[in-house]
């Protein structure tokens, strides 16, 4: 177990060092290109050429954002909807499955959901899917009510 923790620390340090290297404007783009090409070595030639091109064009620091966007495009093409489901208390597996099935039925896509718990919600649920946010929490309802009351005209 100790070896696994050390390996994880080393990997995290390596990722942090890579991020610092890629974000450093003083590091020549050819150095970044070489580092990325070595990391991508053994991958499809298209991938290697793509990361080289990113570095060449001064966009190596944006590699993480590119990967996130690519994941989103692949998920959309495959009909997968990534959602974040936040509730005030831990959902049972049955409740979680029932909610995800309702989302799948409404969206027509396969749902991959991540569960989160936020006791500050008081009750209800907050659903985040990309840029769409559905707040059906008690806290959200109270905030909307407070806003409506403070902005109501006499």
Protein backbone atom coordinates (compact mmCIF):
# COMPACT_ATOMS: atom_id res chain seq x y z
CA UNK A 1 0.00 0.00 0.00
CA UNK A 2 2.85 2.39 0.86
CA UNK A 3 4.37 1.79 -2.60
CA UNK A 4 1.05 2.65 -4.27
CA UNK A 5 0.77 5.91 -2.32
CA UNK A 6 4.32 6.85 -3.31
CA UNK A 7 3.62 6.00 -6.94
CA UNK A 8 0.51 8.19 -6.85
CA UNK A 9 2.48 11.07 -5.33
CA UNK A 10 5.16 10.74 -8.01
CA UNK A 11 2.56 10.67 -10.78
CA UNK A 12 0.83 13.74 -9.34
CA UNK A 13 4.15 15.54 -9.07
CA UNK A 14 4.97 14.59 -12.66
CA UNK A 15 1.62 15.90 -13.89
CA UNK A 16 2.09 19.14 -11.94
CA UNK A 17 5.62 19.55 -13.35
CA UNK A 18 4.34 18.90 -16.88
CA UNK A 19 1.57 21.46 -16.41
CA UNK A 20 4.09 24.05 -15.20
CA UNK A 21 6.36 23.33 -18.16
CA UNK A 22 3.53 23.64 -20.69
CA UNK A 23 2.18 26.84 -19.12
CA UNK A 24 5.60 28.52 -18.92
CA UNK A 25 5.85 31.07 -21.76
CA UNK A 26 9.64 31.17 -21.39
CA UNK A 27 10.03 27.52 -22.41
CA UNK A 28 10.60 27.20 -26.15
CA UNK A 29 7.75 25.58 -28.07
CA UNK A 30 10.21 23.05 -29.56
CA UNK A 31 11.03 21.81 -26.04
CA UNK A 32 7.33 21.47 -25.26
CA UNK A 33 6.80 19.69 -28.58
CA UNK A 34 9.61 17.23 -27.79
CA UNK A 35 8.28 16.50 -24.29
CA UNK A 36 4.74 15.95 -25.55
CA UNK A 37 5.96 13.75 -28.42
CA UNK A 38 7.88 11.57 -25.94
CA UNK A 39 4.81 11.24 -23.72
CA UNK A 40 2.59 10.37 -26.69
CA UNK A 41 5.17 7.94 -28.09
CA UNK A 42 3.54 4.66 -29.04
CA UNK A 43 0.17 6.34 -29.56
CA UNK A 44 -1.55 6.68 -32.89
CA UNK A 45 0.47 8.87 -35.28
CA UNK A 46 -2.47 11.28 -35.53
CA UNK A 47 -2.34 11.85 -31.76
CA UNK A 48 1.42 12.42 -31.78
CA UNK A 49 1.13 14.89 -34.67
CA UNK A 50 -1.75 16.69 -32.98
CA UNK A 51 0.11 17.29 -29.69
CA UNK A 52 3.18 18.40 -31.67
CA UNK A 53 1.00 20.86 -33.59
CA UNK A 54 -0.46 22.24 -30.35
CA UNK A 55 3.04 22.90 -29.04
CA UNK A 56 4.23 24.36 -32.35
CA UNK A 57 1.31 26.81 -32.39
CA UNK A 58 1.92 27.87 -28.76
CA UNK A 59 -1.17 26.07 -27.47
CA UNK A 60 0.48 23.31 -25.40
CA UNK A 61 -0.87 24.79 -22.15
CA UNK A 62 -4.40 24.24 -23.49
CA UNK A 63 -3.95 20.49 -23.91
CA UNK A 64 -6.05 19.74 -20.82
CA UNK A 65 -8.93 21.89 -22.10
CA UNK A 66 -8.68 20.24 -25.52
CA UNK A 67 -8.92 16.80 -23.90
CA UNK A 68 -12.01 17.84 -21.90
CA UNK A 69 -13.69 19.22 -25.02
CA UNK A 70 -12.79 16.09 -27.00
CA UNK A 71 -14.32 13.91 -24.26
CA UNK A 72 -17.51 15.98 -24.47
CA UNK A 73 -17.66 15.63 -28.27
CA UNK A 74 -17.12 11.87 -28.11
CA UNK A 75 -19.79 11.54 -25.40
CA UNK A 76 -22.26 13.54 -27.50
CA UNK A 77 -21.51 11.41 -30.56
CA UNK A 78 -22.03 8.23 -28.53
CA UNK A 79 -25.26 9.55 -26.99
CA UNK A 80 -23.84 9.80 -23.48
CA UNK A 81 -24.93 12.55 -21.10
CA UNK A 82 -22.59 13.33 -18.21
CA UNK A 83 -24.47 14.73 -15.24
CA UNK A 84 -23.64 15.77 -11.72
CA UNK A 85 -26.38 14.97 -9.26
CA UNK A 86 -26.13 16.90 -5.98
CA UNK A 87 -28.47 16.13 -3.08
CA UNK A 88 -28.72 17.17 0.55
CA UNK A 89 -28.26 13.58 1.74
CA UNK A 90 -26.77 10.39 0.32
CA UNK A 91 -29.11 8.71 -2.15
CA UNK A 92 -29.75 5.00 -1.94
CA UNK A 93 -28.79 3.00 -5.01
CA UNK A 94 -32.47 2.55 -5.82
CA UNK A 95 -33.17 6.31 -5.62
CA UNK A 96 -30.09 7.09 -7.70
CA UNK A 97 -31.05 4.54 -10.35
CA UNK A 98 -34.65 5.83 -10.48
CA UNK A 99 -33.47 9.41 -11.02
CA UNK A 100 -30.92 8.49 -13.69
CA UNK A 101 -33.55 6.41 -15.52
CA UNK A 102 -35.89 9.44 -15.54
CA UNK A 103 -33.10 11.61 -16.96
CA UNK A 104 -32.34 8.98 -19.63
CA UNK A 105 -36.02 8.83 -20.58
CA UNK A 106 -36.31 12.62 -20.79
CA UNK A 107 -33.04 13.14 -22.68
CA UNK A 108 -33.03 10.05 -24.87
CA UNK A 109 -29.36 9.53 -23.99
CA UNK A 110 -27.39 7.16 -21.81
CA UNK A 111 -26.65 8.90 -18.51
CA UNK A 112 -23.32 8.71 -16.72
CA UNK A 113 -23.95 10.37 -13.36
CA UNK A 114 -21.70 11.48 -10.56
CA UNK A 115 -23.19 11.76 -7.08
CA UNK A 116 -22.40 14.58 -4.68
CA UNK A 117 -23.79 15.48 -1.29
CA UNK A 118 -24.21 19.09 -0.12
CA UNK A 119 -26.07 19.35 3.21
CA UNK A 120 -26.49 23.10 2.57
CA UNK A 121 -29.15 22.29 -0.03
CA UNK A 122 -31.48 21.42 2.88
CA UNK A 123 -33.48 19.11 0.60
CA UNK A 124 -34.22 18.46 -3.04
CA UNK A 125 -31.78 18.05 -5.88
CA UNK A 126 -29.45 20.03 -8.18
CA UNK A 127 -28.76 18.55 -11.60
CA UNK A 128 -25.84 19.85 -13.67
CA UNK A 129 -25.44 18.61 -17.25
CA UNK A 130 -22.86 20.62 -19.15
CA UNK A 131 -23.96 24.25 -19.02
CA UNK A 132 -27.56 23.34 -18.10
CA UNK A 133 -28.35 23.55 -14.40
CA UNK A 134 -31.64 22.51 -12.84
CA UNK A 135 -31.92 23.63 -9.22
CA UNK A 136 -34.84 21.95 -7.46
CA UNK A 137 -33.31 22.26 -4.01
CA UNK A 138 -34.96 23.86 -1.00
CA UNK A 139 -32.05 26.31 -0.77
CA UNK A 140 -32.54 27.25 -4.44
CA UNK A 141 -36.26 27.78 -3.95
CA UNK A 142 -35.65 29.95 -0.88
CA UNK A 143 -33.09 32.05 -2.79
CA UNK A 144 -35.54 32.56 -5.67
CA UNK A 145 -38.29 33.50 -3.22
CA UNK A 146 -35.99 35.98 -1.44
CA UNK A 147 -35.02 37.50 -4.80
CA UNK A 148 -38.67 37.81 -5.87
CA UNK A 149 -39.65 39.42 -2.56
CA UNK A 150 -36.79 41.95 -2.58
CA UNK A 151 -37.45 42.92 -6.18
CA UNK A 152 -41.25 43.02 -6.01
CA UNK A 153 -42.83 46.35 -6.80
CA UNK A 154 -45.20 47.87 -4.30
